[in-house]
Amino acid sequence: MSGQHTSVRLVIWIASGTLVAAGLAACGDEPPVGKVAKGGDQATFQSAAQLPVVAGPQAPAAPKVDENATLAARVVAALRRDPAVGKLGIDVVSAEGAVTLFGTASTAGDRERAARVAAGVDGVRSVMNNLVIVTGS
């Protein structure tokens, strides 16, 4: 019995070795000529280097910057940096460079100062001052 097992193992080992050798021998060969359907026509390519490059899925486009939100954020930052109006609760909305201020101011001077600060931000074309004067705000 052990002689038969040895014979089977030898045959399997020889067959495996033959397959590995054949695979390694084919590694350096050029791929066979292929036919690829292209727009209804048949195109023949002699090697893999001649195959057409097909674009894969594109990376998602970067999100577009909201210029209005960016300008409003810059105006809010400028207002907060100002010592006179920085602590007031002022909201800002921007549309194509037209800035609108909402909220409250303690005095008419603070109201006007907030409008001047907003107007001084690069990109602001006009300021609509909707601040309401509330004493103690």
N, C-alpha and C. Protein backbone atom coordinates (compact mmCIF):
# COMPACT_ATOMS: atom_id res chain seq x y z
N MET A 1 0.82 -1.19 0.00
CA MET A 1 0.00 0.00 0.00
C MET A 1 0.85 1.24 0.00
N SER A 2 1.94 1.24 0.76
CA SER A 2 2.75 2.45 0.85
C SER A 2 3.41 2.75 -0.49
N GLY A 3 3.65 1.77 -1.33
CA GLY A 3 4.23 1.99 -2.65
C GLY A 3 3.27 2.72 -3.55
N GLN A 4 1.97 2.41 -3.44
CA GLN A 4 0.96 3.10 -4.25
C GLN A 4 0.84 4.56 -3.83
N HIS A 5 0.87 4.83 -2.54
CA HIS A 5 0.78 6.20 -2.04
C HIS A 5 1.97 7.03 -2.51
N THR A 6 3.12 6.41 -2.51
CA THR A 6 4.32 7.11 -2.97
C THR A 6 4.21 7.43 -4.44
N SER A 7 3.67 6.52 -5.24
CA SER A 7 3.50 6.74 -6.68
C SER A 7 2.53 7.87 -6.95
N VAL A 8 1.44 7.92 -6.20
CA VAL A 8 0.44 8.98 -6.39
C VAL A 8 1.05 10.32 -6.02
N ARG A 9 1.78 10.36 -4.93
CA ARG A 9 2.42 11.60 -4.51
C ARG A 9 3.43 12.08 -5.55
N LEU A 10 4.17 11.15 -6.13
CA LEU A 10 5.16 11.50 -7.13
C LEU A 10 4.49 12.06 -8.37
N VAL A 11 3.38 11.47 -8.78
CA VAL A 11 2.65 11.96 -9.96
C VAL A 11 2.10 13.36 -9.69
N ILE A 12 1.56 13.60 -8.50
CA ILE A 12 1.02 14.91 -8.16
C ILE A 12 2.15 15.94 -8.12
N TRP A 13 3.28 15.54 -7.55
CA TRP A 13 4.41 16.45 -7.46
C TRP A 13 4.94 16.81 -8.84
N ILE A 14 5.03 15.85 -9.74
CA ILE A 14 5.51 16.09 -11.10
C ILE A 14 4.52 16.98 -11.85
N ALA A 15 3.23 16.71 -11.70
CA ALA A 15 2.21 17.51 -12.39
C ALA A 15 2.23 18.95 -11.88
N SER A 16 2.37 19.14 -10.58
CA SER A 16 2.43 20.48 -10.00
C SER A 16 3.66 21.22 -10.52
N GLY A 17 4.78 20.55 -10.54
CA GLY A 17 6.00 21.16 -11.03
C GLY A 17 5.89 21.56 -12.49
N THR A 18 5.25 20.73 -13.28
CA THR A 18 5.07 21.03 -14.70
C THR A 18 4.20 22.27 -14.88
N LEU A 19 3.13 22.37 -14.10
CA LEU A 19 2.24 23.53 -14.21
C LEU A 19 2.96 24.82 -13.78
N VAL A 20 3.75 24.75 -12.73
CA VAL A 20 4.50 25.92 -12.26
C VAL A 20 5.51 26.33 -13.32
N ALA A 21 6.21 25.36 -13.90
CA ALA A 21 7.21 25.67 -14.93
C ALA A 21 6.56 26.30 -16.15
N ALA A 22 5.41 25.78 -16.56
CA ALA A 22 4.71 26.34 -17.72
C ALA A 22 4.25 27.76 -17.44
N GLY A 23 3.77 28.00 -16.24
CA GLY A 23 3.32 29.34 -15.87
C GLY A 23 4.47 30.33 -15.85
N LEU A 24 5.60 29.93 -15.31
CA LEU A 24 6.76 30.81 -15.27
C LEU A 24 7.31 31.08 -16.67
N ALA A 25 7.26 30.10 -17.52
CA ALA A 25 7.77 30.27 -18.88
C ALA A 25 6.92 31.27 -19.66
N ALA A 26 5.65 31.37 -19.34
CA ALA A 26 4.76 32.27 -20.07
C ALA A 26 4.83 33.69 -19.54
N CYS A 27 5.52 33.94 -18.43
CA CYS A 27 5.56 35.27 -17.83
C CYS A 27 6.15 36.32 -18.75
N GLY A 28 7.14 35.99 -19.54
CA GLY A 28 7.79 36.98 -20.38
C GLY A 28 7.15 37.14 -21.74
N ASP A 29 6.17 36.34 -22.06
CA ASP A 29 5.56 36.39 -23.39
C ASP A 29 4.62 37.58 -23.51
N GLU A 30 4.52 38.11 -24.73
CA GLU A 30 3.54 39.15 -25.03
C GLU A 30 2.15 38.51 -25.00
N PRO A 31 1.16 39.25 -24.57
CA PRO A 31 -0.18 38.69 -24.59
C PRO A 31 -0.63 38.49 -26.03
N PRO A 32 -1.51 37.55 -26.24
CA PRO A 32 -1.96 37.30 -27.61
C PRO A 32 -2.73 38.50 -28.14
N VAL A 33 -2.81 38.58 -29.48
CA VAL A 33 -3.55 39.66 -30.13
C VAL A 33 -5.00 39.54 -29.71
N GLY A 34 -5.60 40.67 -29.34
CA GLY A 34 -6.99 40.64 -28.89
C GLY A 34 -7.85 41.53 -29.74
N LYS A 35 -9.12 41.28 -29.72
CA LYS A 35 -10.07 42.12 -30.43
C LYS A 35 -10.97 42.77 -29.39
N VAL A 36 -11.13 44.08 -29.51
CA VAL A 36 -11.94 44.84 -28.57
C VAL A 36 -12.99 45.61 -29.36
N ALA A 37 -14.24 45.47 -28.96
CA ALA A 37 -15.30 46.22 -29.64
C ALA A 37 -15.16 47.68 -29.27
N LYS A 38 -15.14 48.55 -30.27
CA LYS A 38 -14.98 49.98 -30.02
C LYS A 38 -15.94 50.72 -30.95
N GLY A 39 -17.04 51.21 -30.40
CA GLY A 39 -18.02 51.95 -31.19
C GLY A 39 -18.63 51.12 -32.30
N GLY A 40 -18.77 49.84 -32.09
CA GLY A 40 -19.37 48.99 -33.12
C GLY A 40 -18.34 48.39 -34.05
N ASP A 41 -17.16 48.96 -34.13
CA ASP A 41 -16.09 48.45 -34.97
C ASP A 41 -15.23 47.51 -34.17
N GLN A 42 -14.47 46.68 -34.85
CA GLN A 42 -13.50 45.82 -34.18
C GLN A 42 -12.13 46.45 -34.31
N ALA A 43 -11.41 46.55 -33.22
CA ALA A 43 -10.06 47.09 -33.25
C ALA A 43 -9.10 46.01 -32.76
N THR A 44 -7.97 45.85 -33.44
CA THR A 44 -7.00 44.83 -33.08
C THR A 44 -5.82 45.51 -32.41
N PHE A 45 -5.37 44.92 -31.30
CA PHE A 45 -4.25 45.45 -30.55
C PHE A 45 -3.18 44.38 -30.48
N GLN A 46 -1.93 44.76 -30.76
CA GLN A 46 -0.85 43.81 -30.79
C GLN A 46 -0.28 43.52 -29.40
N SER A 47 -0.38 44.46 -28.49
CA SER A 47 0.14 44.23 -27.15
C SER A 47 -0.70 45.01 -26.15
N ALA A 48 -0.46 44.72 -24.88
CA ALA A 48 -1.22 45.41 -23.83
C ALA A 48 -0.93 46.90 -23.84
N ALA A 49 0.26 47.31 -24.30
CA ALA A 49 0.62 48.73 -24.33
C ALA A 49 -0.25 49.51 -25.31
N GLN A 50 -0.85 48.82 -26.28
CA GLN A 50 -1.68 49.49 -27.27
C GLN A 50 -3.15 49.56 -26.87
N LEU A 51 -3.49 48.91 -25.77
CA LEU A 51 -4.89 48.93 -25.35
C LEU A 51 -5.28 50.34 -24.96
N PRO A 52 -6.52 50.76 -25.26
CA PRO A 52 -6.95 52.10 -24.90
C PRO A 52 -7.05 52.25 -23.39
N VAL A 53 -6.79 53.44 -22.92
CA VAL A 53 -6.92 53.74 -21.50
C VAL A 53 -8.34 54.20 -21.25
N VAL A 54 -9.00 53.53 -20.33
CA VAL A 54 -10.37 53.87 -20.00
C VAL A 54 -10.37 54.60 -18.67
N ALA A 55 -10.97 55.78 -18.65
CA ALA A 55 -11.00 56.56 -17.41
C ALA A 55 -11.90 55.87 -16.40
N GLY A 56 -11.41 55.79 -15.18
CA GLY A 56 -12.18 55.20 -14.10
C GLY A 56 -13.11 56.25 -13.50
N PRO A 57 -13.76 55.92 -12.43
CA PRO A 57 -14.66 56.88 -11.81
C PRO A 57 -13.86 58.09 -11.31
N GLN A 58 -14.41 59.26 -11.53
CA GLN A 58 -13.73 60.48 -11.11
C GLN A 58 -13.94 60.72 -9.63
N ALA A 59 -12.95 61.34 -9.04
CA ALA A 59 -13.08 61.73 -7.64
C ALA A 59 -14.19 62.78 -7.53
N PRO A 60 -14.90 62.79 -6.43
CA PRO A 60 -15.95 63.79 -6.29
C PRO A 60 -15.35 65.19 -6.36
N ALA A 61 -16.09 66.08 -7.00
CA ALA A 61 -15.64 67.46 -7.12
C ALA A 61 -15.61 68.12 -5.75
N ALA A 62 -14.66 68.99 -5.59
CA ALA A 62 -14.58 69.73 -4.32
C ALA A 62 -15.84 70.58 -4.17
N PRO A 63 -16.34 70.67 -2.96
CA PRO A 63 -17.54 71.47 -2.77
C PRO A 63 -17.27 72.92 -3.15
N LYS A 64 -18.26 73.53 -3.75
CA LYS A 64 -18.12 74.93 -4.16
C LYS A 64 -18.18 75.82 -2.93
N VAL A 65 -17.37 76.86 -2.96
CA VAL A 65 -17.33 77.80 -1.85
C VAL A 65 -18.53 78.74 -1.98
N ASP A 66 -19.26 78.90 -0.90
CA ASP A 66 -20.39 79.83 -0.88
C ASP A 66 -19.84 81.22 -0.57
N GLU A 67 -19.70 82.03 -1.63
CA GLU A 67 -19.11 83.36 -1.48
C GLU A 67 -19.91 84.23 -0.53
N ASN A 68 -21.24 84.09 -0.53
CA ASN A 68 -22.06 84.89 0.37
C ASN A 68 -21.80 84.54 1.83
N ALA A 69 -21.73 83.25 2.12
CA ALA A 69 -21.46 82.82 3.50
C ALA A 69 -20.06 83.24 3.93
N THR A 70 -19.11 83.17 3.00
CA THR A 70 -17.74 83.56 3.32
C THR A 70 -17.67 85.05 3.65
N LEU A 71 -18.34 85.87 2.86
CA LEU A 71 -18.33 87.32 3.11
C LEU A 71 -19.03 87.63 4.43
N ALA A 72 -20.16 87.00 4.68
CA ALA A 72 -20.88 87.23 5.94
C ALA A 72 -20.00 86.85 7.13
N ALA A 73 -19.27 85.76 7.03
CA ALA A 73 -18.39 85.33 8.12
C ALA A 73 -17.25 86.34 8.34
N ARG A 74 -16.73 86.91 7.25
CA ARG A 74 -15.67 87.92 7.39
C ARG A 74 -16.20 89.18 8.05
N VAL A 75 -17.45 89.57 7.73
CA VAL A 75 -18.05 90.76 8.35
C VAL A 75 -18.28 90.50 9.84
N VAL A 76 -18.80 89.32 10.19
CA VAL A 76 -19.02 88.97 11.60
C VAL A 76 -17.69 89.02 12.35
N ALA A 77 -16.63 88.49 11.75
CA ALA A 77 -15.32 88.50 12.40
C ALA A 77 -14.83 89.93 12.62
N ALA A 78 -15.04 90.80 11.64
CA ALA A 78 -14.62 92.21 11.78
C ALA A 78 -15.42 92.90 12.88
N LEU A 79 -16.71 92.61 12.96
CA LEU A 79 -17.55 93.21 14.01
C LEU A 79 -17.09 92.74 15.39
N ARG A 80 -16.77 91.48 15.52
CA ARG A 80 -16.35 90.94 16.82
C ARG A 80 -15.00 91.49 17.27
N ARG A 81 -14.14 91.82 16.31
CA ARG A 81 -12.83 92.38 16.66
C ARG A 81 -12.94 93.84 17.12
N ASP A 82 -14.02 94.52 16.75
CA ASP A 82 -14.17 95.93 17.12
C ASP A 82 -14.57 96.04 18.59
N PRO A 83 -13.82 96.86 19.38
CA PRO A 83 -14.11 96.93 20.81
C PRO A 83 -15.47 97.54 21.14
N ALA A 84 -15.99 98.42 20.31
CA ALA A 84 -17.27 99.08 20.62
C ALA A 84 -18.47 98.20 20.30
N VAL A 85 -18.41 97.43 19.22
CA VAL A 85 -19.58 96.66 18.79
C VAL A 85 -19.36 95.16 18.87
N GLY A 86 -18.19 94.73 19.31
CA GLY A 86 -17.85 93.31 19.31
C GLY A 86 -18.72 92.44 20.20
N LYS A 87 -19.30 93.03 21.23
CA LYS A 87 -20.11 92.23 22.17
C LYS A 87 -21.61 92.31 21.86
N LEU A 88 -21.97 93.08 20.84
CA LEU A 88 -23.38 93.18 20.46
C LEU A 88 -23.81 91.92 19.71
N GLY A 89 -25.05 91.58 19.81
CA GLY A 89 -25.56 90.41 19.08
C GLY A 89 -25.97 90.80 17.68
N ILE A 90 -25.04 90.79 16.75
CA ILE A 90 -25.32 91.22 15.38
C ILE A 90 -25.21 90.02 14.45
N ASP A 91 -26.27 89.79 13.70
CA ASP A 91 -26.27 88.75 12.67
C ASP A 91 -26.05 89.41 11.32
N VAL A 92 -25.42 88.69 10.41
CA VAL A 92 -25.08 89.25 9.10
C VAL A 92 -25.55 88.29 8.02
N VAL A 93 -26.18 88.88 7.01
CA VAL A 93 -26.57 88.12 5.82
C VAL A 93 -25.96 88.84 4.63
N SER A 94 -25.44 88.06 3.67
CA SER A 94 -24.81 88.65 2.50
C SER A 94 -25.40 88.05 1.23
N ALA A 95 -25.59 88.90 0.24
CA ALA A 95 -26.06 88.44 -1.08
C ALA A 95 -25.37 89.28 -2.14
N GLU A 96 -24.43 88.67 -2.84
CA GLU A 96 -23.71 89.33 -3.94
C GLU A 96 -23.05 90.63 -3.49
N GLY A 97 -22.48 90.64 -2.31
CA GLY A 97 -21.77 91.82 -1.81
C GLY A 97 -22.64 92.80 -1.03
N ALA A 98 -23.95 92.62 -1.07
CA ALA A 98 -24.86 93.46 -0.29
C ALA A 98 -25.03 92.81 1.08
N VAL A 99 -24.61 93.51 2.13
CA VAL A 99 -24.62 92.96 3.48
C VAL A 99 -25.77 93.59 4.26
N THR A 100 -26.50 92.76 5.02
CA THR A 100 -27.57 93.25 5.88
C THR A 100 -27.24 92.88 7.31
N LEU A 101 -27.33 93.87 8.19
CA LEU A 101 -27.06 93.66 9.61
C LEU A 101 -28.38 93.55 10.36
N PHE A 102 -28.49 92.54 11.22
CA PHE A 102 -29.68 92.33 12.05
C PHE A 102 -29.24 92.24 13.50
N GLY A 103 -30.08 92.72 14.41
CA GLY A 103 -29.79 92.61 15.83
C GLY A 103 -30.08 93.90 16.55
N THR A 104 -29.37 94.10 17.66
CA THR A 104 -29.60 95.28 18.48
C THR A 104 -28.29 96.01 18.73
N ALA A 105 -28.41 97.32 18.98
CA ALA A 105 -27.29 98.16 19.36
C ALA A 105 -27.72 98.97 20.57
N SER A 106 -26.76 99.34 21.43
CA SER A 106 -27.08 100.10 22.65
C SER A 106 -27.38 101.56 22.34
N THR A 107 -26.68 102.11 21.34
CA THR A 107 -26.83 103.53 21.01
C THR A 107 -26.85 103.70 19.49
N ALA A 108 -27.26 104.90 19.08
CA ALA A 108 -27.22 105.21 17.65
C ALA A 108 -25.78 105.19 17.16
N GLY A 109 -24.84 105.61 18.00
CA GLY A 109 -23.42 105.59 17.63
C GLY A 109 -22.91 104.17 17.37
N ASP A 110 -23.32 103.23 18.23
CA ASP A 110 -22.93 101.82 18.03
C ASP A 110 -23.53 101.27 16.74
N ARG A 111 -24.78 101.67 16.50
CA ARG A 111 -25.47 101.22 15.27
C ARG A 111 -24.70 101.68 14.04
N GLU A 112 -24.32 102.95 14.03
CA GLU A 112 -23.59 103.51 12.89
C GLU A 112 -22.17 102.94 12.79
N ARG A 113 -21.54 102.73 13.93
CA ARG A 113 -20.20 102.15 13.92
C ARG A 113 -20.22 100.75 13.32
N ALA A 114 -21.21 99.96 13.68
CA ALA A 114 -21.32 98.61 13.13
C ALA A 114 -21.45 98.67 11.61
N ALA A 115 -22.21 99.60 11.09
CA ALA A 115 -22.36 99.74 9.64
C ALA A 115 -21.04 100.13 8.99
N ARG A 116 -20.28 101.04 9.64
CA ARG A 116 -18.98 101.44 9.09
C ARG A 116 -17.98 100.29 9.09
N VAL A 117 -17.98 99.52 10.18
CA VAL A 117 -17.08 98.36 10.25
C VAL A 117 -17.42 97.37 9.14
N ALA A 118 -18.70 97.09 8.96
CA ALA A 118 -19.13 96.15 7.92
C ALA A 118 -18.75 96.67 6.53
N ALA A 119 -18.93 97.96 6.30
CA ALA A 119 -18.62 98.55 5.00
C ALA A 119 -17.12 98.49 4.70
N GLY A 120 -16.30 98.43 5.74
CA GLY A 120 -14.86 98.40 5.55
C GLY A 120 -14.29 97.04 5.20
N VAL A 121 -15.13 96.01 5.20
CA VAL A 121 -14.66 94.66 4.87
C VAL A 121 -14.56 94.53 3.36
N ASP A 122 -13.43 93.99 2.91
CA ASP A 122 -13.20 93.80 1.47
C ASP A 122 -14.29 92.91 0.88
N GLY A 123 -14.90 93.36 -0.20
CA GLY A 123 -15.95 92.59 -0.88
C GLY A 123 -17.34 93.11 -0.60
N VAL A 124 -17.49 93.97 0.42
CA VAL A 124 -18.81 94.53 0.74
C VAL A 124 -19.07 95.70 -0.20
N ARG A 125 -20.19 95.63 -0.91
CA ARG A 125 -20.58 96.70 -1.85
C ARG A 125 -21.57 97.67 -1.22
N SER A 126 -22.42 97.13 -0.34
CA SER A 126 -23.39 98.00 0.33
C SER A 126 -23.77 97.37 1.66
N VAL A 127 -24.29 98.23 2.57
CA VAL A 127 -24.71 97.76 3.89
C VAL A 127 -26.13 98.24 4.15
N MET A 128 -27.01 97.30 4.47
CA MET A 128 -28.37 97.61 4.93
C MET A 128 -28.35 97.41 6.43
N ASN A 129 -28.52 98.50 7.17
CA ASN A 129 -28.40 98.46 8.62
C ASN A 129 -29.79 98.31 9.23
N ASN A 130 -30.13 97.10 9.64
CA ASN A 130 -31.41 96.82 10.29
C ASN A 130 -31.24 96.64 11.80
N LEU A 131 -30.17 97.21 12.36
CA LEU A 131 -29.98 97.12 13.80
C LEU A 131 -31.01 98.01 14.51
N VAL A 132 -31.57 97.51 15.58
CA VAL A 132 -32.55 98.22 16.37
C VAL A 132 -31.86 98.70 17.65
N ILE A 133 -32.09 99.99 18.00
CA ILE A 133 -31.47 100.53 19.21
C ILE A 133 -32.32 100.11 20.41
N VAL A 134 -31.66 99.40 21.31
CA VAL A 134 -32.30 98.97 22.56
C VAL A 134 -31.34 99.33 23.68
N THR A 135 -31.78 100.22 24.52
CA THR A 135 -30.93 100.66 25.62
C THR A 135 -30.59 99.46 26.52
N GLY A 136 -29.28 99.35 26.79
CA GLY A 136 -28.83 98.26 27.64
C GLY A 136 -28.58 96.96 26.89
N SER A 137 -28.57 96.98 25.58
CA SER A 137 -28.36 95.72 24.82
C SER A 137 -26.93 95.34 24.74
